[in-house]
Amino acid sequence: MQAQSHVFFYAISPHQPFSCNAHSICDSELRPQGIGLYPLVSIINHSCAPNAILVFEEQMAVIRAMEYIPKDSEVTISYIETAGSNLTRQKSMKEQYLFQ
């Protein structure tokens, strides 16, 4: 039996932005195409050293392992771009996700 994931799309006003639990949907060249709410993806925790990455195949969210993940280990993703400096990433995490 294959797991099904439901995708919810909402029209978003610039005055009502989603800052948490919403994901920018990007094309193959990483150009933003819209915003999607993915309930199953939203329960994945953040890590500064993630073992998986969120990618999109058209409008489908796909979590791909970047390394071997042992059974019963937590799957983590980075909520922000990992290429920035530590200071930039910490500032982003505090502003967007209220991390300390």
PDB file of N, CA and C in Angstrom:
ATOM      1  N   MET A   1       0.842  -1.178   0.000  1.00  0.00           N
ATOM      2  CA  MET A   1       0.000   0.000   0.000  1.00  0.00           C
ATOM      3  C   MET A   1       0.885   1.239   0.000  1.00  0.00           C
ATOM      4  N   GLN A   2       0.608   2.158  -0.890  1.00  0.00           N
ATOM      5  CA  GLN A   2       1.412   3.356  -1.015  1.00  0.00           C
ATOM      6  C   GLN A   2       0.791   4.482  -0.184  1.00  0.00           C
ATOM      7  N   ALA A   3       1.645   5.203   0.540  1.00  0.00           N
ATOM      8  CA  ALA A   3       1.165   6.323   1.356  1.00  0.00           C
ATOM      9  C   ALA A   3       0.748   7.463   0.443  1.00  0.00           C
ATOM     10  N   GLN A   4      -0.306   8.104   0.794  1.00  0.00           N
ATOM     11  CA  GLN A   4      -0.809   9.247   0.039  1.00  0.00           C
ATOM     12  C   GLN A   4      -0.555  10.515   0.842  1.00  0.00           C
ATOM     13  N   SER A   5      -0.145  11.569   0.193  1.00  0.00           N
ATOM     14  CA  SER A   5       0.040  12.857   0.842  1.00  0.00           C
ATOM     15  C   SER A   5      -0.900  13.842   0.172  1.00  0.00           C
ATOM     16  N   HIS A   6      -1.598  14.589   0.953  1.00  0.00           N
ATOM     17  CA  HIS A   6      -2.521  15.574   0.409  1.00  0.00           C
ATOM     18  C   HIS A   6      -1.869  16.938   0.411  1.00  0.00           C
ATOM     19  N   VAL A   7      -2.092  17.675  -0.654  1.00  0.00           N
ATOM     20  CA  VAL A   7      -1.522  19.003  -0.800  1.00  0.00           C
ATOM     21  C   VAL A   7      -2.657  20.009  -0.719  1.00  0.00           C
ATOM     22  N   PHE A   8      -2.441  21.048   0.035  1.00  0.00           N
ATOM     23  CA  PHE A   8      -3.439  22.097   0.179  1.00  0.00           C
ATOM     24  C   PHE A   8      -2.854  23.387  -0.371  1.00  0.00           C
ATOM     25  N   PHE A   9      -3.559  24.021  -1.283  1.00  0.00           N
ATOM     26  CA  PHE A   9      -3.121  25.299  -1.822  1.00  0.00           C
ATOM     27  C   PHE A   9      -4.120  26.375  -1.412  1.00  0.00           C
ATOM     28  N   TYR A  10      -3.612  27.521  -1.053  1.00  0.00           N
ATOM     29  CA  TYR A  10      -4.454  28.633  -0.659  1.00  0.00           C
ATOM     30  C   TYR A  10      -4.000  29.869  -1.417  1.00  0.00           C
ATOM     31  N   ALA A  11      -4.940  30.695  -1.784  1.00  0.00           N
ATOM     32  CA  ALA A  11      -4.586  31.994  -2.336  1.00  0.00           C
ATOM     33  C   ALA A  11      -4.088  32.832  -1.172  1.00  0.00           C
ATOM     34  N   ILE A  12      -2.932  33.423  -1.338  1.00  0.00           N
ATOM     35  CA  ILE A  12      -2.327  34.168  -0.239  1.00  0.00           C
ATOM     36  C   ILE A  12      -2.257  35.637  -0.596  1.00  0.00           C
ATOM     37  N   SER A  13      -2.821  36.436   0.261  1.00  0.00           N
ATOM     38  CA  SER A  13      -2.744  37.877   0.118  1.00  0.00           C
ATOM     39  C   SER A  13      -1.385  38.336   0.630  1.00  0.00           C
ATOM     40  N   PRO A  14      -0.798  39.378   0.047  1.00  0.00           N
ATOM     41  CA  PRO A  14       0.485  39.878   0.571  1.00  0.00           C
ATOM     42  C   PRO A  14       0.350  40.354   2.018  1.00  0.00           C
ATOM     43  N   HIS A  15      -0.883  40.600   2.467  1.00  0.00           N
ATOM     44  CA  HIS A  15      -1.103  41.059   3.836  1.00  0.00           C
ATOM     45  C   HIS A  15      -1.285  39.903   4.808  1.00  0.00           C
ATOM     46  N   GLN A  16      -1.305  38.666   4.317  1.00  0.00           N
ATOM     47  CA  GLN A  16      -1.473  37.491   5.162  1.00  0.00           C
ATOM     48  C   GLN A  16      -0.449  36.428   4.797  1.00  0.00           C
ATOM     49  N   PRO A  17       0.857  36.735   4.960  1.00  0.00           N
ATOM     50  CA  PRO A  17       1.863  35.754   4.562  1.00  0.00           C
ATOM     51  C   PRO A  17       1.934  34.579   5.528  1.00  0.00           C
ATOM     52  N   PHE A  18       2.318  33.420   4.999  1.00  0.00           N
ATOM     53  CA  PHE A  18       2.583  32.252   5.835  1.00  0.00           C
ATOM     54  C   PHE A  18       4.069  32.298   6.168  1.00  0.00           C
ATOM     55  N   SER A  19       4.427  32.177   7.438  1.00  0.00           N
ATOM     56  CA  SER A  19       5.842  32.173   7.779  1.00  0.00           C
ATOM     57  C   SER A  19       6.295  30.815   8.280  1.00  0.00           C
ATOM     58  N   CYS A  20       5.375  29.985   8.744  1.00  0.00           N
ATOM     59  CA  CYS A  20       5.724  28.656   9.240  1.00  0.00           C
ATOM     60  C   CYS A  20       4.818  27.626   8.578  1.00  0.00           C
ATOM     61  N   ASN A  21       5.344  26.431   8.398  1.00  0.00           N
ATOM     62  CA  ASN A  21       4.582  25.305   7.858  1.00  0.00           C
ATOM     63  C   ASN A  21       4.121  25.501   6.424  1.00  0.00           C
ATOM     64  N   ALA A  22       4.680  26.463   5.735  1.00  0.00           N
ATOM     65  CA  ALA A  22       4.416  26.645   4.312  1.00  0.00           C
ATOM     66  C   ALA A  22       5.753  26.519   3.590  1.00  0.00           C
ATOM     67  N   HIS A  23       5.726  26.017   2.391  1.00  0.00           N
ATOM     68  CA  HIS A  23       6.965  25.783   1.659  1.00  0.00           C
ATOM     69  C   HIS A  23       6.879  26.417   0.284  1.00  0.00           C
ATOM     70  N   SER A  24       7.940  27.110  -0.103  1.00  0.00           N
ATOM     71  CA  SER A  24       8.010  27.655  -1.452  1.00  0.00           C
ATOM     72  C   SER A  24       8.200  26.510  -2.425  1.00  0.00           C
ATOM     73  N   ILE A  25       7.361  26.471  -3.432  1.00  0.00           N
ATOM     74  CA  ILE A  25       7.461  25.459  -4.474  1.00  0.00           C
ATOM     75  C   ILE A  25       8.330  26.054  -5.578  1.00  0.00           C
ATOM     76  N   CYS A  26       9.441  25.374  -5.871  1.00  0.00           N
ATOM     77  CA  CYS A  26      10.376  25.881  -6.869  1.00  0.00           C
ATOM     78  C   CYS A  26      10.448  24.937  -8.057  1.00  0.00           C
ATOM     79  N   ASP A  27      10.772  25.510  -9.214  1.00  0.00           N
ATOM     80  CA  ASP A  27      10.952  24.672 -10.397  1.00  0.00           C
ATOM     81  C   ASP A  27      12.353  24.068 -10.376  1.00  0.00           C
ATOM     82  N   SER A  28      12.731  23.371 -11.432  1.00  0.00           N
ATOM     83  CA  SER A  28      14.024  22.679 -11.473  1.00  0.00           C
ATOM     84  C   SER A  28      15.212  23.640 -11.439  1.00  0.00           C
ATOM     85  N   GLU A  29      14.974  24.914 -11.728  1.00  0.00           N
ATOM     86  CA  GLU A  29      16.036  25.923 -11.662  1.00  0.00           C
ATOM     87  C   GLU A  29      15.931  26.758 -10.394  1.00  0.00           C
ATOM     88  N   LEU A  30      15.163  26.249  -9.405  1.00  0.00           N
ATOM     89  CA  LEU A  30      14.980  26.872  -8.083  1.00  0.00           C
ATOM     90  C   LEU A  30      14.302  28.237  -8.126  1.00  0.00           C
ATOM     91  N   ARG A  31      13.494  28.469  -9.155  1.00  0.00           N
ATOM     92  CA  ARG A  31      12.696  29.695  -9.219  1.00  0.00           C
ATOM     93  C   ARG A  31      11.382  29.440  -8.502  1.00  0.00           C
ATOM     94  N   PRO A  32      11.004  30.306  -7.550  1.00  0.00           N
ATOM     95  CA  PRO A  32       9.741  30.112  -6.820  1.00  0.00           C
ATOM     96  C   PRO A  32       8.544  30.118  -7.763  1.00  0.00           C
ATOM     97  N   GLN A  33       7.647  29.138  -7.573  1.00  0.00           N
ATOM     98  CA  GLN A  33       6.453  29.018  -8.397  1.00  0.00           C
ATOM     99  C   GLN A  33       5.181  29.234  -7.590  1.00  0.00           C
ATOM    100  N   GLY A  34       5.273  29.186  -6.274  1.00  0.00           N
ATOM    101  CA  GLY A  34       4.106  29.349  -5.415  1.00  0.00           C
ATOM    102  C   GLY A  34       4.419  28.858  -4.020  1.00  0.00           C
ATOM    103  N   ILE A  35       3.390  28.782  -3.208  1.00  0.00           N
ATOM    104  CA  ILE A  35       3.524  28.335  -1.823  1.00  0.00           C
ATOM    105  C   ILE A  35       2.545  27.198  -1.597  1.00  0.00           C
ATOM    106  N   GLY A  36       3.006  26.166  -0.923  1.00  0.00           N
ATOM    107  CA  GLY A  36       2.151  25.018  -0.628  1.00  0.00           C
ATOM    108  C   GLY A  36       2.194  24.670   0.842  1.00  0.00           C
ATOM    109  N   LEU A  37       1.116  24.100   1.329  1.00  0.00           N
ATOM    110  CA  LEU A  37       1.053  23.591   2.696  1.00  0.00           C
ATOM    111  C   LEU A  37       1.071  22.072   2.608  1.00  0.00           C
ATOM    112  N   TYR A  38       2.052  21.468   3.233  1.00  0.00           N
ATOM    113  CA  TYR A  38       2.243  20.024   3.201  1.00  0.00           C
ATOM    114  C   TYR A  38       2.248  19.507   4.638  1.00  0.00           C
ATOM    115  N   PRO A  39       1.122  19.051   5.143  1.00  0.00           N
ATOM    116  CA  PRO A  39       1.030  18.647   6.556  1.00  0.00           C
ATOM    117  C   PRO A  39       2.065  17.612   6.987  1.00  0.00           C
ATOM    118  N   LEU A  40       2.351  16.615   6.148  1.00  0.00           N
ATOM    119  CA  LEU A  40       3.335  15.598   6.541  1.00  0.00           C
ATOM    120  C   LEU A  40       4.745  16.171   6.580  1.00  0.00           C
ATOM    121  N   VAL A  41       5.076  17.062   5.674  1.00  0.00           N
ATOM    122  CA  VAL A  41       6.403  17.686   5.667  1.00  0.00           C
ATOM    123  C   VAL A  41       6.541  18.628   6.868  1.00  0.00           C
ATOM    124  N   SER A  42       5.450  19.232   7.288  1.00  0.00           N
ATOM    125  CA  SER A  42       5.488  20.201   8.382  1.00  0.00           C
ATOM    126  C   SER A  42       5.856  19.601   9.732  1.00  0.00           C
ATOM    127  N   ILE A  43       5.784  18.276   9.863  1.00  0.00           N
ATOM    128  CA  ILE A  43       6.147  17.668  11.149  1.00  0.00           C
ATOM    129  C   ILE A  43       7.620  17.256  11.207  1.00  0.00           C
ATOM    130  N   ILE A  44       8.364  17.482  10.128  1.00  0.00           N
ATOM    131  CA  ILE A  44       9.787  17.147  10.114  1.00  0.00           C
ATOM    132  C   ILE A  44      10.561  18.266  10.803  1.00  0.00           C
ATOM    133  N   ASN A  45      11.409  17.882  11.748  1.00  0.00           N
ATOM    134  CA  ASN A  45      12.181  18.863  12.511  1.00  0.00           C
ATOM    135  C   ASN A  45      13.354  19.424  11.727  1.00  0.00           C
ATOM    136  N   HIS A  46      13.792  20.609  12.173  1.00  0.00           N
ATOM    137  CA  HIS A  46      14.951  21.294  11.600  1.00  0.00           C
ATOM    138  C   HIS A  46      16.240  20.762  12.209  1.00  0.00           C
ATOM    139  N   SER A  47      17.290  20.762  11.413  1.00  0.00           N
ATOM    140  CA  SER A  47      18.643  20.507  11.904  1.00  0.00           C
ATOM    141  C   SER A  47      19.601  21.395  11.123  1.00  0.00           C
ATOM    142  N   CYS A  48      20.626  21.885  11.814  1.00  0.00           N
ATOM    143  CA  CYS A  48      21.678  22.635  11.119  1.00  0.00           C
ATOM    144  C   CYS A  48      22.558  21.699  10.298  1.00  0.00           C
ATOM    145  N   ALA A  49      22.507  20.411  10.614  1.00  0.00           N
ATOM    146  CA  ALA A  49      23.220  19.372   9.855  1.00  0.00           C
ATOM    147  C   ALA A  49      22.193  18.309   9.457  1.00  0.00           C
ATOM    148  N   PRO A  50      21.297  18.651   8.519  1.00  0.00           N
ATOM    149  CA  PRO A  50      20.198  17.741   8.164  1.00  0.00           C
ATOM    150  C   PRO A  50      20.684  16.476   7.475  1.00  0.00           C
ATOM    151  N   ASN A  51      19.873  15.415   7.590  1.00  0.00           N
ATOM    152  CA  ASN A  51      20.204  14.173   6.894  1.00  0.00           C
ATOM    153  C   ASN A  51      19.309  13.959   5.668  1.00  0.00           C
ATOM    154  N   ALA A  52      18.422  14.924   5.408  1.00  0.00           N
ATOM    155  CA  ALA A  52      17.529  14.841   4.251  1.00  0.00           C
ATOM    156  C   ALA A  52      17.296  16.248   3.701  1.00  0.00           C
ATOM    157  N   ILE A  53      16.710  16.286   2.530  1.00  0.00           N
ATOM    158  CA  ILE A  53      16.432  17.566   1.873  1.00  0.00           C
ATOM    159  C   ILE A  53      15.037  17.524   1.273  1.00  0.00           C
ATOM    160  N   LEU A  54      14.374  18.665   1.273  1.00  0.00           N
ATOM    161  CA  LEU A  54      13.053  18.804   0.664  1.00  0.00           C
ATOM    162  C   LEU A  54      13.241  19.280  -0.769  1.00  0.00           C
ATOM    163  N   VAL A  55      12.710  18.526  -1.715  1.00  0.00           N
ATOM    164  CA  VAL A  55      12.731  18.916  -3.125  1.00  0.00           C
ATOM    165  C   VAL A  55      11.314  18.801  -3.673  1.00  0.00           C
ATOM    166  N   PHE A  56      11.093  19.401  -4.818  1.00  0.00           N
ATOM    167  CA  PHE A  56       9.774  19.345  -5.440  1.00  0.00           C
ATOM    168  C   PHE A  56       9.869  18.716  -6.810  1.00  0.00           C
ATOM    169  N   GLU A  57       8.934  17.838  -7.081  1.00  0.00           N
ATOM    170  CA  GLU A  57       8.740  17.282  -8.414  1.00  0.00           C
ATOM    171  C   GLU A  57       7.383  17.809  -8.849  1.00  0.00           C
ATOM    172  N   GLU A  58       7.439  18.900  -9.616  1.00  0.00           N
ATOM    173  CA  GLU A  58       6.259  19.701  -9.937  1.00  0.00           C
ATOM    174  C   GLU A  58       5.663  20.197  -8.628  1.00  0.00           C
ATOM    175  N   GLN A  59       4.443  19.790  -8.265  1.00  0.00           N
ATOM    176  CA  GLN A  59       3.849  20.285  -7.019  1.00  0.00           C
ATOM    177  C   GLN A  59       3.945  19.268  -5.886  1.00  0.00           C
ATOM    178  N   MET A  60       4.606  18.139  -6.115  1.00  0.00           N
ATOM    179  CA  MET A  60       4.727  17.113  -5.091  1.00  0.00           C
ATOM    180  C   MET A  60       5.995  17.347  -4.260  1.00  0.00           C
ATOM    181  N   ALA A  61       5.820  17.410  -2.937  1.00  0.00           N
ATOM    182  CA  ALA A  61       6.959  17.530  -2.032  1.00  0.00           C
ATOM    183  C   ALA A  61       7.579  16.152  -1.849  1.00  0.00           C
ATOM    184  N   VAL A  62       8.907  16.087  -1.980  1.00  0.00           N
ATOM    185  CA  VAL A  62       9.635  14.829  -1.845  1.00  0.00           C
ATOM    186  C   VAL A  62      10.771  15.051  -0.853  1.00  0.00           C
ATOM    187  N   ILE A  63      10.872  14.159   0.137  1.00  0.00           N
ATOM    188  CA  ILE A  63      11.983  14.201   1.081  1.00  0.00           C
ATOM    189  C   ILE A  63      13.000  13.175   0.619  1.00  0.00           C
ATOM    190  N   ARG A  64      14.233  13.623   0.368  1.00  0.00           N
ATOM    191  CA  ARG A  64      15.292  12.727  -0.108  1.00  0.00           C
ATOM    192  C   ARG A  64      16.399  12.659   0.934  1.00  0.00           C
ATOM    193  N   ALA A  65      16.807  11.458   1.269  1.00  0.00           N
ATOM    194  CA  ALA A  65      17.922  11.271   2.193  1.00  0.00           C
ATOM    195  C   ALA A  65      19.213  11.736   1.537  1.00  0.00           C
ATOM    196  N   MET A  66      20.054  12.418   2.299  1.00  0.00           N
ATOM    197  CA  MET A  66      21.365  12.844   1.796  1.00  0.00           C
ATOM    198  C   MET A  66      22.462  11.905   2.287  1.00  0.00           C
ATOM    199  N   GLU A  67      22.088  11.004   3.180  1.00  0.00           N
ATOM    200  CA  GLU A  67      23.022  10.033   3.742  1.00  0.00           C
ATOM    201  C   GLU A  67      22.207   8.842   4.235  1.00  0.00           C
ATOM    202  N   TYR A  68      22.867   7.801   4.625  1.00  0.00           N
ATOM    203  CA  TYR A  68      22.174   6.652   5.195  1.00  0.00           C
ATOM    204  C   TYR A  68      21.534   7.080   6.517  1.00  0.00           C
ATOM    205  N   ILE A  69      20.256   6.776   6.679  1.00  0.00           N
ATOM    206  CA  ILE A  69      19.539   7.087   7.914  1.00  0.00           C
ATOM    207  C   ILE A  69      19.156   5.757   8.562  1.00  0.00           C
ATOM    208  N   PRO A  70      19.783   5.423   9.698  1.00  0.00           N
ATOM    209  CA  PRO A  70      19.483   4.138  10.342  1.00  0.00           C
ATOM    210  C   PRO A  70      18.012   4.041  10.760  1.00  0.00           C
ATOM    211  N   LYS A  71      17.530   2.823  10.824  1.00  0.00           N
ATOM    212  CA  LYS A  71      16.163   2.560  11.274  1.00  0.00           C
ATOM    213  C   LYS A  71      15.952   3.209  12.640  1.00  0.00           C
ATOM    214  N   ASP A  72      14.776   3.784  12.844  1.00  0.00           N
ATOM    215  CA  ASP A  72      14.365   4.448  14.086  1.00  0.00           C
ATOM    216  C   ASP A  72      15.099   5.763  14.349  1.00  0.00           C
ATOM    217  N   SER A  73      15.876   6.259  13.393  1.00  0.00           N
ATOM    218  CA  SER A  73      16.524   7.565  13.538  1.00  0.00           C
ATOM    219  C   SER A  73      15.595   8.651  13.001  1.00  0.00           C
ATOM    220  N   GLU A  74      15.754   9.833  13.516  1.00  0.00           N
ATOM    221  CA  GLU A  74      14.930  10.954  13.073  1.00  0.00           C
ATOM    222  C   GLU A  74      15.394  11.474  11.714  1.00  0.00           C
ATOM    223  N   VAL A  75      14.452  11.751  10.844  1.00  0.00           N
ATOM    224  CA  VAL A  75      14.723  12.402   9.567  1.00  0.00           C
ATOM    225  C   VAL A  75      14.614  13.897   9.822  1.00  0.00           C
ATOM    226  N   THR A  76      15.640  14.658   9.419  1.00  0.00           N
ATOM    227  CA  THR A  76      15.632  16.108   9.625  1.00  0.00           C
ATOM    228  C   THR A  76      15.938  16.820   8.315  1.00  0.00           C
ATOM    229  N   ILE A  77      15.429  18.031   8.213  1.00  0.00           N
ATOM    230  CA  ILE A  77      15.719  18.902   7.076  1.00  0.00           C
ATOM    231  C   ILE A  77      16.151  20.252   7.624  1.00  0.00           C
ATOM    232  N   SER A  78      16.739  21.064   6.784  1.00  0.00           N
ATOM    233  CA  SER A  78      17.038  22.440   7.178  1.00  0.00           C
ATOM    234  C   SER A  78      15.876  23.304   6.718  1.00  0.00           C
ATOM    235  N   TYR A  79      15.387  24.134   7.602  1.00  0.00           N
ATOM    236  CA  TYR A  79      14.271  25.013   7.250  1.00  0.00           C
ATOM    237  C   TYR A  79      14.725  26.181   6.390  1.00  0.00           C
ATOM    238  N   ILE A  80      16.013  26.438   6.363  1.00  0.00           N
ATOM    239  CA  ILE A  80      16.549  27.578   5.608  1.00  0.00           C
ATOM    240  C   ILE A  80      17.712  27.123   4.748  1.00  0.00           C
ATOM    241  N   GLU A  81      18.175  27.999   3.889  1.00  0.00           N
ATOM    242  CA  GLU A  81      19.331  27.725   3.027  1.00  0.00           C
ATOM    243  C   GLU A  81      20.556  27.452   3.900  1.00  0.00           C
ATOM    244  N   THR A  82      21.238  26.354   3.647  1.00  0.00           N
ATOM    245  CA  THR A  82      22.379  25.961   4.485  1.00  0.00           C
ATOM    246  C   THR A  82      23.696  26.609   4.066  1.00  0.00           C
ATOM    247  N   ALA A  83      23.718  27.325   2.945  1.00  0.00           N
ATOM    248  CA  ALA A  83      24.970  27.897   2.443  1.00  0.00           C
ATOM    249  C   ALA A  83      25.350  29.212   3.129  1.00  0.00           C
ATOM    250  N   GLY A  84      24.441  29.822   3.873  1.00  0.00           N
ATOM    251  CA  GLY A  84      24.742  31.090   4.531  1.00  0.00           C
ATOM    252  C   GLY A  84      25.683  30.918   5.713  1.00  0.00           C
ATOM    253  N   SER A  85      26.210  32.036   6.194  1.00  0.00           N
ATOM    254  CA  SER A  85      27.079  32.000   7.373  1.00  0.00           C
ATOM    255  C   SER A  85      26.249  31.615   8.601  1.00  0.00           C
ATOM    256  N   ASN A  86      26.923  31.183   9.665  1.00  0.00           N
ATOM    257  CA  ASN A  86      26.215  30.838  10.905  1.00  0.00           C
ATOM    258  C   ASN A  86      25.390  32.011  11.406  1.00  0.00           C
ATOM    259  N   LEU A  87      25.954  33.213  11.385  1.00  0.00           N
ATOM    260  CA  LEU A  87      25.249  34.402  11.875  1.00  0.00           C
ATOM    261  C   LEU A  87      23.996  34.676  11.043  1.00  0.00           C
ATOM    262  N   THR A  88      24.114  34.597   9.739  1.00  0.00           N
ATOM    263  CA  THR A  88      22.972  34.822   8.839  1.00  0.00           C
ATOM    264  C   THR A  88      21.882  33.788   9.085  1.00  0.00           C
ATOM    265  N   ARG A  89      22.278  32.512   9.211  1.00  0.00           N
ATOM    266  CA  ARG A  89      21.304  31.448   9.431  1.00  0.00           C
ATOM    267  C   ARG A  89      20.631  31.589  10.795  1.00  0.00           C
ATOM    268  N   GLN A  90      21.392  31.922  11.835  1.00  0.00           N
ATOM    269  CA  GLN A  90      20.809  32.106  13.169  1.00  0.00           C
ATOM    270  C   GLN A  90      19.807  33.259  13.165  1.00  0.00           C
ATOM    271  N   LYS A  91      20.144  34.341  12.493  1.00  0.00           N
ATOM    272  CA  LYS A  91      19.236  35.490  12.402  1.00  0.00           C
ATOM    273  C   LYS A  91      17.945  35.093  11.684  1.00  0.00           C
ATOM    274  N   SER A  92      18.084  34.362  10.587  1.00  0.00           N
ATOM    275  CA  SER A  92      16.924  33.895   9.822  1.00  0.00           C
ATOM    276  C   SER A  92      16.037  32.988  10.670  1.00  0.00           C
ATOM    277  N   MET A  93      16.646  32.045  11.385  1.00  0.00           N
ATOM    278  CA  MET A  93      15.876  31.115  12.217  1.00  0.00           C
ATOM    279  C   MET A  93      15.147  31.849  13.338  1.00  0.00           C
ATOM    280  N   LYS A  94      15.772  32.874  13.901  1.00  0.00           N
ATOM    281  CA  LYS A  94      15.129  33.651  14.964  1.00  0.00           C
ATOM    282  C   LYS A  94      13.955  34.455  14.410  1.00  0.00           C
ATOM    283  N   GLU A  95      14.164  35.103  13.261  1.00  0.00           N
ATOM    284  CA  GLU A  95      13.115  35.936  12.670  1.00  0.00           C
ATOM    285  C   GLU A  95      11.947  35.124  12.130  1.00  0.00           C
ATOM    286  N   GLN A  96      12.240  34.028  11.440  1.00  0.00           N
ATOM    287  CA  GLN A  96      11.190  33.258  10.769  1.00  0.00           C
ATOM    288  C   GLN A  96      10.528  32.211  11.643  1.00  0.00           C
ATOM    289  N   TYR A  97      11.306  31.606  12.545  1.00  0.00           N
ATOM    290  CA  TYR A  97      10.795  30.455  13.304  1.00  0.00           C
ATOM    291  C   TYR A  97      10.880  30.635  14.818  1.00  0.00           C
ATOM    292  N   LEU A  98      11.330  31.809  15.259  1.00  0.00           N
ATOM    293  CA  LEU A  98      11.442  32.140  16.678  1.00  0.00           C
ATOM    294  C   LEU A  98      12.407  31.229  17.431  1.00  0.00           C
ATOM    295  N   PHE A  99      13.421  30.698  16.725  1.00  0.00           N
ATOM    296  CA  PHE A  99      14.448  29.888  17.378  1.00  0.00           C
ATOM    297  C   PHE A  99      15.354  30.825  18.175  1.00  0.00           C
ATOM    298  N   GLN A 100      15.913  30.311  19.242  1.00  0.00           N
ATOM    299  CA  GLN A 100      16.857  31.098  20.064  1.00  0.00           C
ATOM    300  C   GLN A 100      18.276  30.684  19.794  1.00  0.00           C
TER     301      GLN A 100
END
